PDB file of N, CA and C in Angstrom:
ATOM      1  N   MET A   1       4.479  14.829   9.855  1.00  0.00           N
ATOM      2  CA  MET A   1       4.201  13.444   9.533  1.00  0.00           C
ATOM      3  C   MET A   1       3.034  13.396   8.546  1.00  0.00           C
ATOM      4  N   VAL A   2       3.139  12.560   7.549  1.00  0.00           N
ATOM      5  CA  VAL A   2       2.088  12.357   6.557  1.00  0.00           C
ATOM      6  C   VAL A   2       1.505  10.968   6.760  1.00  0.00           C
ATOM      7  N   HIS A   3       0.172  10.904   6.823  1.00  0.00           N
ATOM      8  CA  HIS A   3      -0.536   9.626   6.966  1.00  0.00           C
ATOM      9  C   HIS A   3      -1.324   9.414   5.679  1.00  0.00           C
ATOM     10  N   ALA A   4      -1.153   8.260   5.051  1.00  0.00           N
ATOM     11  CA  ALA A   4      -1.828   7.990   3.785  1.00  0.00           C
ATOM     12  C   ALA A   4      -2.392   6.577   3.775  1.00  0.00           C
ATOM     13  N   PHE A   5      -3.422   6.411   2.971  1.00  0.00           N
ATOM     14  CA  PHE A   5      -4.030   5.110   2.735  1.00  0.00           C
ATOM     15  C   PHE A   5      -3.731   4.737   1.291  1.00  0.00           C
ATOM     16  N   VAL A   6      -3.194   3.539   1.094  1.00  0.00           N
ATOM     17  CA  VAL A   6      -2.836   3.075  -0.241  1.00  0.00           C
ATOM     18  C   VAL A   6      -3.706   1.875  -0.582  1.00  0.00           C
ATOM     19  N   MET A   7      -4.499   2.021  -1.640  1.00  0.00           N
ATOM     20  CA  MET A   7      -5.321   0.929  -2.127  1.00  0.00           C
ATOM     21  C   MET A   7      -4.497   0.161  -3.154  1.00  0.00           C
ATOM     22  N   VAL A   8      -4.458  -1.150  -3.014  1.00  0.00           N
ATOM     23  CA  VAL A   8      -3.603  -1.974  -3.859  1.00  0.00           C
ATOM     24  C   VAL A   8      -4.451  -3.019  -4.576  1.00  0.00           C
ATOM     25  N   LYS A   9      -4.325  -3.079  -5.894  1.00  0.00           N
ATOM     26  CA  LYS A   9      -4.997  -4.099  -6.686  1.00  0.00           C
ATOM     27  C   LYS A   9      -3.968  -5.173  -7.022  1.00  0.00           C
ATOM     28  N   VAL A  10      -4.388  -6.432  -6.891  1.00  0.00           N
ATOM     29  CA  VAL A  10      -3.504  -7.576  -7.098  1.00  0.00           C
ATOM     30  C   VAL A  10      -4.040  -8.398  -8.262  1.00  0.00           C
ATOM     31  N   SER A  11      -3.151  -8.947  -9.083  1.00  0.00           N
ATOM     32  CA  SER A  11      -3.576  -9.771 -10.216  1.00  0.00           C
ATOM     33  C   SER A  11      -4.317 -11.012  -9.724  1.00  0.00           C
ATOM     34  N   GLY A  12      -5.193 -11.517 -10.553  1.00  0.00           N
ATOM     35  CA  GLY A  12      -6.047 -12.640 -10.181  1.00  0.00           C
ATOM     36  C   GLY A  12      -5.300 -13.909  -9.813  1.00  0.00           C
ATOM     37  N   ASP A  13      -4.119 -14.104 -10.351  1.00  0.00           N
ATOM     38  CA  ASP A  13      -3.368 -15.331 -10.065  1.00  0.00           C
ATOM     39  C   ASP A  13      -2.356 -15.166  -8.925  1.00  0.00           C
ATOM     40  N   ALA A  14      -2.319 -14.002  -8.326  1.00  0.00           N
ATOM     41  CA  ALA A  14      -1.372 -13.742  -7.231  1.00  0.00           C
ATOM     42  C   ALA A  14      -1.948 -14.198  -5.890  1.00  0.00           C
ATOM     43  N   ASP A  15      -1.068 -14.455  -4.947  1.00  0.00           N
ATOM     44  CA  ASP A  15      -1.444 -14.815  -3.577  1.00  0.00           C
ATOM     45  C   ASP A  15      -1.661 -13.518  -2.799  1.00  0.00           C
ATOM     46  N   THR A  16      -2.914 -13.076  -2.727  1.00  0.00           N
ATOM     47  CA  THR A  16      -3.219 -11.777  -2.115  1.00  0.00           C
ATOM     48  C   THR A  16      -2.750 -11.683  -0.667  1.00  0.00           C
ATOM     49  N   PRO A  17      -3.019 -12.682   0.193  1.00  0.00           N
ATOM     50  CA  PRO A  17      -2.499 -12.583   1.567  1.00  0.00           C
ATOM     51  C   PRO A  17      -0.968 -12.510   1.602  1.00  0.00           C
ATOM     52  N   GLY A  18      -0.316 -13.212   0.694  1.00  0.00           N
ATOM     53  CA  GLY A  18       1.143 -13.148   0.620  1.00  0.00           C
ATOM     54  C   GLY A  18       1.630 -11.772   0.215  1.00  0.00           C
ATOM     55  N   VAL A  19       0.940 -11.151  -0.753  1.00  0.00           N
ATOM     56  CA  VAL A  19       1.286  -9.787  -1.162  1.00  0.00           C
ATOM     57  C   VAL A  19       1.068  -8.831   0.010  1.00  0.00           C
ATOM     58  N   ALA A  20      -0.030  -9.005   0.737  1.00  0.00           N
ATOM     59  CA  ALA A  20      -0.296  -8.154   1.907  1.00  0.00           C
ATOM     60  C   ALA A  20       0.815  -8.292   2.946  1.00  0.00           C
ATOM     61  N   ASP A  21       1.321  -9.500   3.126  1.00  0.00           N
ATOM     62  CA  ASP A  21       2.431  -9.705   4.070  1.00  0.00           C
ATOM     63  C   ASP A  21       3.677  -8.936   3.625  1.00  0.00           C
ATOM     64  N   VAL A  22       3.963  -8.978   2.326  1.00  0.00           N
ATOM     65  CA  VAL A  22       5.127  -8.246   1.809  1.00  0.00           C
ATOM     66  C   VAL A  22       4.915  -6.741   1.980  1.00  0.00           C
ATOM     67  N   VAL A  23       3.714  -6.264   1.665  1.00  0.00           N
ATOM     68  CA  VAL A  23       3.407  -4.839   1.834  1.00  0.00           C
ATOM     69  C   VAL A  23       3.589  -4.435   3.294  1.00  0.00           C
ATOM     70  N   SER A  24       3.093  -5.249   4.215  1.00  0.00           N
ATOM     71  CA  SER A  24       3.187  -4.895   5.633  1.00  0.00           C
ATOM     72  C   SER A  24       4.630  -4.879   6.136  1.00  0.00           C
ATOM     73  N   GLY A  25       5.529  -5.507   5.407  1.00  0.00           N
ATOM     74  CA  GLY A  25       6.940  -5.507   5.780  1.00  0.00           C
ATOM     75  C   GLY A  25       7.705  -4.272   5.341  1.00  0.00           C
ATOM     76  N   ILE A  26       7.063  -3.403   4.563  1.00  0.00           N
ATOM     77  CA  ILE A  26       7.715  -2.165   4.129  1.00  0.00           C
ATOM     78  C   ILE A  26       7.822  -1.228   5.332  1.00  0.00           C
ATOM     79  N   GLU A  27       8.954  -0.597   5.472  1.00  0.00           N
ATOM     80  CA  GLU A  27       9.266   0.185   6.678  1.00  0.00           C
ATOM     81  C   GLU A  27       8.207   1.228   7.027  1.00  0.00           C
ATOM     82  N   THR A  28       7.690   1.951   6.059  1.00  0.00           N
ATOM     83  CA  THR A  28       6.747   3.026   6.357  1.00  0.00           C
ATOM     84  C   THR A  28       5.295   2.552   6.430  1.00  0.00           C
ATOM     85  N   VAL A  29       5.040   1.291   6.143  1.00  0.00           N
ATOM     86  CA  VAL A  29       3.677   0.754   6.222  1.00  0.00           C
ATOM     87  C   VAL A  29       3.402   0.324   7.655  1.00  0.00           C
ATOM     88  N   THR A  30       2.348   0.888   8.244  1.00  0.00           N
ATOM     89  CA  THR A  30       2.007   0.554   9.629  1.00  0.00           C
ATOM     90  C   THR A  30       1.014  -0.599   9.703  1.00  0.00           C
ATOM     91  N   GLU A  31       0.161  -0.743   8.677  1.00  0.00           N
ATOM     92  CA  GLU A  31      -0.805  -1.835   8.628  1.00  0.00           C
ATOM     93  C   GLU A  31      -1.141  -2.131   7.176  1.00  0.00           C
ATOM     94  N   ALA A  32      -1.502  -3.386   6.901  1.00  0.00           N
ATOM     95  CA  ALA A  32      -1.985  -3.776   5.577  1.00  0.00           C
ATOM     96  C   ALA A  32      -3.069  -4.825   5.779  1.00  0.00           C
ATOM     97  N   HIS A  33      -4.212  -4.601   5.127  1.00  0.00           N
ATOM     98  CA  HIS A  33      -5.365  -5.484   5.296  1.00  0.00           C
ATOM     99  C   HIS A  33      -5.872  -5.968   3.949  1.00  0.00           C
ATOM    100  N   VAL A  34      -6.199  -7.251   3.857  1.00  0.00           N
ATOM    101  CA  VAL A  34      -6.887  -7.778   2.687  1.00  0.00           C
ATOM    102  C   VAL A  34      -8.351  -7.391   2.838  1.00  0.00           C
ATOM    103  N   VAL A  35      -8.930  -6.806   1.778  1.00  0.00           N
ATOM    104  CA  VAL A  35     -10.302  -6.316   1.828  1.00  0.00           C
ATOM    105  C   VAL A  35     -11.076  -6.788   0.601  1.00  0.00           C
ATOM    106  N   ALA A  36     -12.389  -6.699   0.680  1.00  0.00           N
ATOM    107  CA  ALA A  36     -13.255  -6.991  -0.459  1.00  0.00           C
ATOM    108  C   ALA A  36     -13.613  -5.678  -1.134  1.00  0.00           C
ATOM    109  N   GLY A  37     -13.766  -5.704  -2.441  1.00  0.00           N
ATOM    110  CA  GLY A  37     -14.149  -4.500  -3.168  1.00  0.00           C
ATOM    111  C   GLY A  37     -13.299  -4.322  -4.395  1.00  0.00           C
ATOM    112  N   GLU A  38     -13.261  -3.103  -4.891  1.00  0.00           N
ATOM    113  CA  GLU A  38     -12.515  -2.808  -6.117  1.00  0.00           C
ATOM    114  C   GLU A  38     -11.021  -3.081  -5.954  1.00  0.00           C
ATOM    115  N   PHE A  39     -10.486  -2.817  -4.756  1.00  0.00           N
ATOM    116  CA  PHE A  39      -9.081  -3.089  -4.472  1.00  0.00           C
ATOM    117  C   PHE A  39      -8.986  -4.271  -3.516  1.00  0.00           C
ATOM    118  N   ASP A  40      -7.810  -4.882  -3.454  1.00  0.00           N
ATOM    119  CA  ASP A  40      -7.623  -6.118  -2.695  1.00  0.00           C
ATOM    120  C   ASP A  40      -6.955  -5.910  -1.345  1.00  0.00           C
ATOM    121  N   ILE A  41      -6.168  -4.849  -1.239  1.00  0.00           N
ATOM    122  CA  ILE A  41      -5.412  -4.568  -0.014  1.00  0.00           C
ATOM    123  C   ILE A  41      -5.516  -3.076   0.281  1.00  0.00           C
ATOM    124  N   VAL A  42      -5.679  -2.735   1.545  1.00  0.00           N
ATOM    125  CA  VAL A  42      -5.579  -1.348   1.990  1.00  0.00           C
ATOM    126  C   VAL A  42      -4.401  -1.284   2.957  1.00  0.00           C
ATOM    127  N   ALA A  43      -3.441  -0.406   2.639  1.00  0.00           N
ATOM    128  CA  ALA A  43      -2.266  -0.237   3.496  1.00  0.00           C
ATOM    129  C   ALA A  43      -2.257   1.173   4.056  1.00  0.00           C
ATOM    130  N   GLU A  44      -1.830   1.295   5.301  1.00  0.00           N
ATOM    131  CA  GLU A  44      -1.648   2.606   5.924  1.00  0.00           C
ATOM    132  C   GLU A  44      -0.156   2.914   5.960  1.00  0.00           C
ATOM    133  N   VAL A  45       0.168   4.127   5.553  1.00  0.00           N
ATOM    134  CA  VAL A  45       1.562   4.562   5.491  1.00  0.00           C
ATOM    135  C   VAL A  45       1.737   5.786   6.381  1.00  0.00           C
ATOM    136  N   ASP A  46       2.757   5.767   7.214  1.00  0.00           N
ATOM    137  CA  ASP A  46       3.177   6.931   7.992  1.00  0.00           C
ATOM    138  C   ASP A  46       4.585   7.275   7.557  1.00  0.00           C
ATOM    139  N   ALA A  47       4.762   8.501   7.096  1.00  0.00           N
ATOM    140  CA  ALA A  47       6.060   8.913   6.577  1.00  0.00           C
ATOM    141  C   ALA A  47       6.341  10.350   7.007  1.00  0.00           C
ATOM    142  N   PRO A  48       7.608  10.732   7.044  1.00  0.00           N
ATOM    143  CA  PRO A  48       7.953  12.084   7.484  1.00  0.00           C
ATOM    144  C   PRO A  48       7.521  13.174   6.497  1.00  0.00           C
ATOM    145  N   ASP A  49       7.372  12.811   5.207  1.00  0.00           N
ATOM    146  CA  ASP A  49       6.988  13.813   4.208  1.00  0.00           C
ATOM    147  C   ASP A  49       6.327  13.122   3.012  1.00  0.00           C
ATOM    148  N   MET A  50       5.760  13.934   2.143  1.00  0.00           N
ATOM    149  CA  MET A  50       5.034  13.405   0.989  1.00  0.00           C
ATOM    150  C   MET A  50       5.951  12.658   0.030  1.00  0.00           C
ATOM    151  N   TYR A  51       7.190  13.103  -0.098  1.00  0.00           N
ATOM    152  CA  TYR A  51       8.128  12.427  -0.987  1.00  0.00           C
ATOM    153  C   TYR A  51       8.378  10.993  -0.548  1.00  0.00           C
ATOM    154  N   THR A  52       8.419  10.760   0.746  1.00  0.00           N
ATOM    155  CA  THR A  52       8.620   9.398   1.248  1.00  0.00           C
ATOM    156  C   THR A  52       7.393   8.539   0.963  1.00  0.00           C
ATOM    157  N   VAL A  53       6.206   9.118   1.075  1.00  0.00           N
ATOM    158  CA  VAL A  53       4.983   8.383   0.699  1.00  0.00           C
ATOM    159  C   VAL A  53       5.058   7.999  -0.772  1.00  0.00           C
ATOM    160  N   LEU A  54       5.410   8.950  -1.625  1.00  0.00           N
ATOM    161  CA  LEU A  54       5.504   8.682  -3.057  1.00  0.00           C
ATOM    162  C   LEU A  54       6.540   7.606  -3.362  1.00  0.00           C
ATOM    163  N   ASP A  55       7.691   7.661  -2.706  1.00  0.00           N
ATOM    164  CA  ASP A  55       8.722   6.633  -2.893  1.00  0.00           C
ATOM    165  C   ASP A  55       8.224   5.274  -2.438  1.00  0.00           C
ATOM    166  N   THR A  56       7.520   5.246  -1.309  1.00  0.00           N
ATOM    167  CA  THR A  56       6.987   3.987  -0.793  1.00  0.00           C
ATOM    168  C   THR A  56       6.068   3.340  -1.815  1.00  0.00           C
ATOM    169  N   VAL A  57       5.165   4.123  -2.367  1.00  0.00           N
ATOM    170  CA  VAL A  57       4.200   3.569  -3.320  1.00  0.00           C
ATOM    171  C   VAL A  57       4.873   3.237  -4.647  1.00  0.00           C
ATOM    172  N   ALA A  58       5.592   4.188  -5.209  1.00  0.00           N
ATOM    173  CA  ALA A  58       6.165   4.010  -6.546  1.00  0.00           C
ATOM    174  C   ALA A  58       7.237   2.929  -6.590  1.00  0.00           C
ATOM    175  N   ASP A  59       8.085   2.874  -5.584  1.00  0.00           N
ATOM    176  CA  ASP A  59       9.200   1.936  -5.612  1.00  0.00           C
ATOM    177  C   ASP A  59       8.899   0.632  -4.877  1.00  0.00           C
ATOM    178  N   ALA A  60       8.442   0.742  -3.640  1.00  0.00           N
ATOM    179  CA  ALA A  60       8.286  -0.457  -2.812  1.00  0.00           C
ATOM    180  C   ALA A  60       7.000  -1.228  -3.130  1.00  0.00           C
ATOM    181  N   VAL A  61       5.856  -0.569  -3.073  1.00  0.00           N
ATOM    182  CA  VAL A  61       4.590  -1.285  -3.266  1.00  0.00           C
ATOM    183  C   VAL A  61       4.431  -1.726  -4.717  1.00  0.00           C
ATOM    184  N   ARG A  62       4.622  -0.805  -5.657  1.00  0.00           N
ATOM    185  CA  ARG A  62       4.441  -1.157  -7.066  1.00  0.00           C
ATOM    186  C   ARG A  62       5.502  -2.145  -7.561  1.00  0.00           C
ATOM    187  N   GLY A  63       6.589  -2.296  -6.833  1.00  0.00           N
ATOM    188  CA  GLY A  63       7.634  -3.237  -7.211  1.00  0.00           C
ATOM    189  C   GLY A  63       7.368  -4.672  -6.775  1.00  0.00           C
ATOM    190  N   ILE A  64       6.304  -4.908  -6.040  1.00  0.00           N
ATOM    191  CA  ILE A  64       5.982  -6.249  -5.556  1.00  0.00           C
ATOM    192  C   ILE A  64       5.317  -7.045  -6.677  1.00  0.00           C
ATOM    193  N   ASP A  65       5.765  -8.270  -6.892  1.00  0.00           N
ATOM    194  CA  ASP A  65       5.158  -9.146  -7.890  1.00  0.00           C
ATOM    195  C   ASP A  65       3.684  -9.347  -7.574  1.00  0.00           C
ATOM    196  N   GLY A  66       2.839  -9.169  -8.581  1.00  0.00           N
ATOM    197  CA  GLY A  66       1.406  -9.356  -8.417  1.00  0.00           C
ATOM    198  C   GLY A  66       0.637  -8.061  -8.264  1.00  0.00           C
ATOM    199  N   VAL A  67       1.309  -6.970  -7.908  1.00  0.00           N
ATOM    200  CA  VAL A  67       0.627  -5.677  -7.775  1.00  0.00           C
ATOM    201  C   VAL A  67       0.407  -5.111  -9.176  1.00  0.00           C
ATOM    202  N   THR A  68      -0.860  -4.788  -9.485  1.00  0.00           N
ATOM    203  CA  THR A  68      -1.189  -4.272 -10.810  1.00  0.00           C
ATOM    204  C   THR A  68      -1.598  -2.807 -10.811  1.00  0.00           C
ATOM    205  N   ASP A  69      -2.044  -2.278  -9.670  1.00  0.00           N
ATOM    206  CA  ASP A  69      -2.505  -0.893  -9.622  1.00  0.00           C
ATOM    207  C   ASP A  69      -2.526  -0.420  -8.180  1.00  0.00           C
ATOM    208  N   THR A  70      -2.379   0.877  -7.991  1.00  0.00           N
ATOM    209  CA  THR A  70      -2.491   1.473  -6.659  1.00  0.00           C
ATOM    210  C   THR A  70      -3.206   2.810  -6.765  1.00  0.00           C
ATOM    211  N   ARG A  71      -3.799   3.215  -5.663  1.00  0.00           N
ATOM    212  CA  ARG A  71      -4.357   4.553  -5.500  1.00  0.00           C
ATOM    213  C   ARG A  71      -3.943   5.020  -4.111  1.00  0.00           C
ATOM    214  N   THR A  72      -3.492   6.251  -4.008  1.00  0.00           N
ATOM    215  CA  THR A  72      -3.022   6.783  -2.729  1.00  0.00           C
ATOM    216  C   THR A  72      -3.923   7.932  -2.296  1.00  0.00           C
ATOM    217  N   TYR A  73      -4.358   7.866  -1.058  1.00  0.00           N
ATOM    218  CA  TYR A  73      -5.201   8.896  -0.465  1.00  0.00           C
ATOM    219  C   TYR A  73      -4.521   9.413   0.788  1.00  0.00           C
ATOM    220  N   VAL A  74      -4.202  10.710   0.799  1.00  0.00           N
ATOM    221  CA  VAL A  74      -3.510  11.319   1.926  1.00  0.00           C
ATOM    222  C   VAL A  74      -4.548  11.839   2.919  1.00  0.00           C
ATOM    223  N   SER A  75      -4.363  11.499   4.178  1.00  0.00           N
ATOM    224  CA  SER A  75      -5.262  11.957   5.231  1.00  0.00           C
ATOM    225  C   SER A  75      -5.057  13.451   5.441  1.00  0.00           C
ATOM    226  N   MET A  76      -6.148  14.174   5.515  1.00  0.00           N
ATOM    227  CA  MET A  76      -6.087  15.619   5.705  1.00  0.00           C
ATOM    228  C   MET A  76      -6.123  16.014   7.180  1.00  0.00           C
ATOM    229  N   ALA A  77      -6.446  15.068   8.069  1.00  0.00           N
ATOM    230  CA  ALA A  77      -6.483  15.339   9.503  1.00  0.00           C
ATOM    231  C   ALA A  77      -6.115  14.050  10.235  1.00  0.00           C
ATOM    232  N   ASN A  78      -5.541  14.190  11.386  1.00  0.00           N
ATOM    233  CA  ASN A  78      -5.176  13.001  12.179  1.00  0.00           C
ATOM    234  C   ASN A  78      -6.207  12.674  13.198  1.00  0.00           C
TER     235      ASN A  78
END
């Protein structure tokens, strides 16, 4: 199992809580939180392998209207 944290930046005119709701609805996302700082949302992803994490970010998260950037950090220990 791979556990990753995905930082999501949202455009200024987007509904950030709404984007977080869409992110949290992705199958491999276990939690999504609106946060203050450089990024707007932090999502936790649990996936069977790294390829699924990459697909989640590249296809599902980046495909959401309003998402402008992401950074993915893979947990090295559980």
